[in-house]
Amino acid sequence: QVQLVESGGGLVQPGGSLRLSCAASGSISSINAMGWYRQAPGKQRELVARITSGSSTNYVDSVKGRFTISRDNAKNTVYLQMNSLKPEDTAVYYCNVRRLYDPRVNYWGQGTQVTVSS
């Protein structure tokens, strides 16, 4: 089992910044990808950003140039730096860690609310 602890959500004005953190513990040796998803009311959950153990990254088009995902291997922590936030970024953000292409290894955080509003 893998345990995930998220932090960093909150309320921010448009154009502002937030940083999300997700610390993983437990049986993490099988994990080779860490990422963030989000789900807005009435919408499907979508992948926002992912980083692999080889440090490859991918982003949903709507956040490219504004969000940056990174990881600290020593702390087993993944971060999402979110800049130039827009109201449409408002959602619950979920940390996800998994072993790519193996559905048996797939863990989710509890979610953290990000609200972008003036």
C-alpha atoms as a PDB file:
ATOM      1  CA  GLN A   1       0.000   0.000   0.000  1.00  0.00           C
ATOM      2  CA  VAL A   2       0.964   3.607  -0.622  1.00  0.00           C
ATOM      3  CA  GLN A   3      -0.157   6.546   1.459  1.00  0.00           C
ATOM      4  CA  LEU A   4      -0.377  10.048   0.006  1.00  0.00           C
ATOM      5  CA  VAL A   5      -0.592  13.316   1.937  1.00  0.00           C
ATOM      6  CA  GLU A   6      -1.482  16.413  -0.051  1.00  0.00           C
ATOM      7  CA  SER A   7      -1.178  20.043   0.923  1.00  0.00           C
ATOM      8  CA  GLY A   8      -1.171  23.506  -0.575  1.00  0.00           C
ATOM      9  CA  GLY A   9      -4.655  24.167  -1.897  1.00  0.00           C
ATOM     10  CA  GLY A  10      -6.668  27.280  -1.146  1.00  0.00           C
ATOM     11  CA  LEU A  11      -8.244  30.435  -2.457  1.00  0.00           C
ATOM     12  CA  VAL A  12      -6.265  32.696  -4.754  1.00  0.00           C
ATOM     13  CA  GLN A  13      -7.058  35.644  -6.996  1.00  0.00           C
ATOM     14  CA  PRO A  14      -6.761  35.368 -10.775  1.00  0.00           C
ATOM     15  CA  GLY A  15      -3.153  35.746 -11.807  1.00  0.00           C
ATOM     16  CA  GLY A  16      -1.914  34.421  -8.487  1.00  0.00           C
ATOM     17  CA  SER A  17       0.148  31.359  -7.650  1.00  0.00           C
ATOM     18  CA  LEU A  18      -0.133  28.247  -5.511  1.00  0.00           C
ATOM     19  CA  ARG A  19       2.097  25.240  -4.948  1.00  0.00           C
ATOM     20  CA  LEU A  20       0.656  21.824  -4.260  1.00  0.00           C
ATOM     21  CA  SER A  21       2.670  19.120  -2.535  1.00  0.00           C
ATOM     22  CA  CYS A  22       2.092  15.388  -2.267  1.00  0.00           C
ATOM     23  CA  ALA A  23       4.243  13.183  -0.067  1.00  0.00           C
ATOM     24  CA  ALA A  24       4.195   9.442  -0.681  1.00  0.00           C
ATOM     25  CA  SER A  25       5.043   6.732   1.830  1.00  0.00           C
ATOM     26  CA  GLY A  26       4.737   2.977   2.084  1.00  0.00           C
ATOM     27  CA  SER A  27       5.422   0.547  -0.743  1.00  0.00           C
ATOM     28  CA  ILE A  28       6.698   3.109  -3.207  1.00  0.00           C
ATOM     29  CA  SER A  29       9.383   1.043  -4.909  1.00  0.00           C
ATOM     30  CA  SER A  30       6.909  -0.026  -7.572  1.00  0.00           C
ATOM     31  CA  ILE A  31       5.917   3.549  -8.448  1.00  0.00           C
ATOM     32  CA  ASN A  32       7.325   5.037 -11.646  1.00  0.00           C
ATOM     33  CA  ALA A  33       5.004   7.961 -12.258  1.00  0.00           C
ATOM     34  CA  MET A  34       3.619  10.736 -10.070  1.00  0.00           C
ATOM     35  CA  GLY A  35       1.105  13.315 -11.142  1.00  0.00           C
ATOM     36  CA  TRP A  36      -1.833  15.560 -10.531  1.00  0.00           C
ATOM     37  CA  TYR A  37      -5.393  15.291 -11.779  1.00  0.00           C
ATOM     38  CA  ARG A  38      -8.223  17.729 -11.268  1.00  0.00           C
ATOM     39  CA  GLN A  39     -11.981  17.585 -11.311  1.00  0.00           C
ATOM     40  CA  ALA A  40     -14.227  20.598 -11.606  1.00  0.00           C
ATOM     41  CA  PRO A  41     -17.944  20.436 -10.761  1.00  0.00           C
ATOM     42  CA  GLY A  42     -19.871  18.687 -13.509  1.00  0.00           C
ATOM     43  CA  LYS A  43     -16.717  17.697 -15.384  1.00  0.00           C
ATOM     44  CA  GLN A  44     -14.662  14.560 -15.724  1.00  0.00           C
ATOM     45  CA  ARG A  45     -11.409  14.159 -13.884  1.00  0.00           C
ATOM     46  CA  GLU A  46      -8.500  15.090 -16.122  1.00  0.00           C
ATOM     47  CA  LEU A  47      -4.761  14.632 -16.004  1.00  0.00           C
ATOM     48  CA  VAL A  48      -3.083  17.977 -15.355  1.00  0.00           C
ATOM     49  CA  ALA A  49       0.574  16.961 -15.235  1.00  0.00           C
ATOM     50  CA  ARG A  50       2.715  13.877 -14.761  1.00  0.00           C
ATOM     51  CA  ILE A  51       6.377  13.199 -14.138  1.00  0.00           C
ATOM     52  CA  THR A  52       8.008   9.822 -14.508  1.00  0.00           C
ATOM     53  CA  SER A  53      10.910   8.279 -12.649  1.00  0.00           C
ATOM     54  CA  GLY A  54      13.024   9.255 -15.640  1.00  0.00           C
ATOM     55  CA  SER A  55      11.882  12.877 -15.174  1.00  0.00           C
ATOM     56  CA  SER A  56       9.822  12.981 -18.347  1.00  0.00           C
ATOM     57  CA  THR A  57       6.904  15.350 -17.991  1.00  0.00           C
ATOM     58  CA  ASN A  58       3.640  15.941 -19.755  1.00  0.00           C
ATOM     59  CA  TYR A  59       0.933  18.541 -19.277  1.00  0.00           C
ATOM     60  CA  VAL A  60      -2.596  19.131 -20.405  1.00  0.00           C
ATOM     61  CA  ASP A  61      -2.562  21.873 -23.040  1.00  0.00           C
ATOM     62  CA  SER A  62      -4.530  24.330 -20.919  1.00  0.00           C
ATOM     63  CA  VAL A  63      -1.771  24.601 -18.294  1.00  0.00           C
ATOM     64  CA  LYS A  64       1.345  24.519 -20.464  1.00  0.00           C
ATOM     65  CA  GLY A  65       3.578  27.480 -19.718  1.00  0.00           C
ATOM     66  CA  ARG A  66       1.795  28.177 -16.422  1.00  0.00           C
ATOM     67  CA  PHE A  67       2.169  25.012 -14.328  1.00  0.00           C
ATOM     68  CA  THR A  68       5.351  23.121 -13.517  1.00  0.00           C
ATOM     69  CA  ILE A  69       5.545  19.650 -12.038  1.00  0.00           C
ATOM     70  CA  SER A  70       8.638  18.506 -10.175  1.00  0.00           C
ATOM     71  CA  ARG A  71       9.693  15.820  -7.733  1.00  0.00           C
ATOM     72  CA  ASP A  72      12.067  15.399  -4.838  1.00  0.00           C
ATOM     73  CA  ASN A  73      13.138  11.761  -4.864  1.00  0.00           C
ATOM     74  CA  ALA A  74      14.781  12.003  -1.461  1.00  0.00           C
ATOM     75  CA  LYS A  75      11.473  13.092   0.063  1.00  0.00           C
ATOM     76  CA  ASN A  76       9.239  10.988  -2.230  1.00  0.00           C
ATOM     77  CA  THR A  77       7.310  14.165  -2.884  1.00  0.00           C
ATOM     78  CA  VAL A  78       5.805  15.612  -6.027  1.00  0.00           C
ATOM     79  CA  TYR A  79       5.014  19.293  -6.447  1.00  0.00           C
ATOM     80  CA  LEU A  80       2.795  21.287  -8.745  1.00  0.00           C
ATOM     81  CA  GLN A  81       3.729  24.944  -9.058  1.00  0.00           C
ATOM     82  CA  MET A  82       0.754  26.798 -10.478  1.00  0.00           C
ATOM     83  CA  ASN A  83       1.275  30.333 -11.784  1.00  0.00           C
ATOM     84  CA  SER A  84      -0.981  32.776 -13.620  1.00  0.00           C
ATOM     85  CA  LEU A  85      -3.996  30.991 -12.243  1.00  0.00           C
ATOM     86  CA  LYS A  86      -7.333  31.441 -13.977  1.00  0.00           C
ATOM     87  CA  PRO A  87     -10.890  30.933 -12.727  1.00  0.00           C
ATOM     88  CA  GLU A  88     -11.145  27.889 -14.974  1.00  0.00           C
ATOM     89  CA  ASP A  89      -8.369  26.242 -12.945  1.00  0.00           C
ATOM     90  CA  THR A  90     -10.808  25.994 -10.049  1.00  0.00           C
ATOM     91  CA  ALA A  91     -11.194  22.323  -9.151  1.00  0.00           C
ATOM     92  CA  VAL A  92     -10.341  19.650  -6.645  1.00  0.00           C
ATOM     93  CA  TYR A  93      -6.786  18.550  -7.363  1.00  0.00           C
ATOM     94  CA  TYR A  94      -5.821  14.937  -6.726  1.00  0.00           C
ATOM     95  CA  CYS A  95      -2.361  13.515  -6.376  1.00  0.00           C
ATOM     96  CA  ASN A  96      -1.855  10.233  -8.196  1.00  0.00           C
ATOM     97  CA  VAL A  97       1.027   7.790  -8.128  1.00  0.00           C
ATOM     98  CA  ARG A  98       1.159   4.668 -10.224  1.00  0.00           C
ATOM     99  CA  ARG A  99       3.145   2.148 -12.129  1.00  0.00           C
ATOM    100  CA  LEU A 100       2.501   2.962 -15.755  1.00  0.00           C
ATOM    101  CA  TYR A 101       0.598   0.262 -17.677  1.00  0.00           C
ATOM    102  CA  ASP A 102      -0.059  -1.721 -14.474  1.00  0.00           C
ATOM    103  CA  PRO A 103      -3.597  -1.007 -13.189  1.00  0.00           C
ATOM    104  CA  ARG A 104      -2.850  -2.877  -9.963  1.00  0.00           C
ATOM    105  CA  VAL A 105      -0.509  -0.117  -8.830  1.00  0.00           C
ATOM    106  CA  ASN A 106      -2.534   3.089  -8.800  1.00  0.00           C
ATOM    107  CA  TYR A 107      -3.082   5.273  -5.734  1.00  0.00           C
ATOM    108  CA  TRP A 108      -4.949   8.522  -5.134  1.00  0.00           C
ATOM    109  CA  GLY A 109      -4.700  11.308  -2.602  1.00  0.00           C
ATOM    110  CA  GLN A 110      -7.703  12.694  -0.778  1.00  0.00           C
ATOM    111  CA  GLY A 111      -7.896  15.811  -2.943  1.00  0.00           C
ATOM    112  CA  THR A 112      -7.283  19.468  -2.216  1.00  0.00           C
ATOM    113  CA  GLN A 113      -9.521  22.335  -3.279  1.00  0.00           C
ATOM    114  CA  VAL A 114      -8.099  25.086  -5.465  1.00  0.00           C
ATOM    115  CA  THR A 115     -10.369  28.080  -5.974  1.00  0.00           C
ATOM    116  CA  VAL A 116      -9.404  30.951  -8.257  1.00  0.00           C
ATOM    117  CA  SER A 117     -11.693  33.898  -7.708  1.00  0.00           C
ATOM    118  CA  SER A 118     -11.634  37.620  -7.117  1.00  0.00           C
END
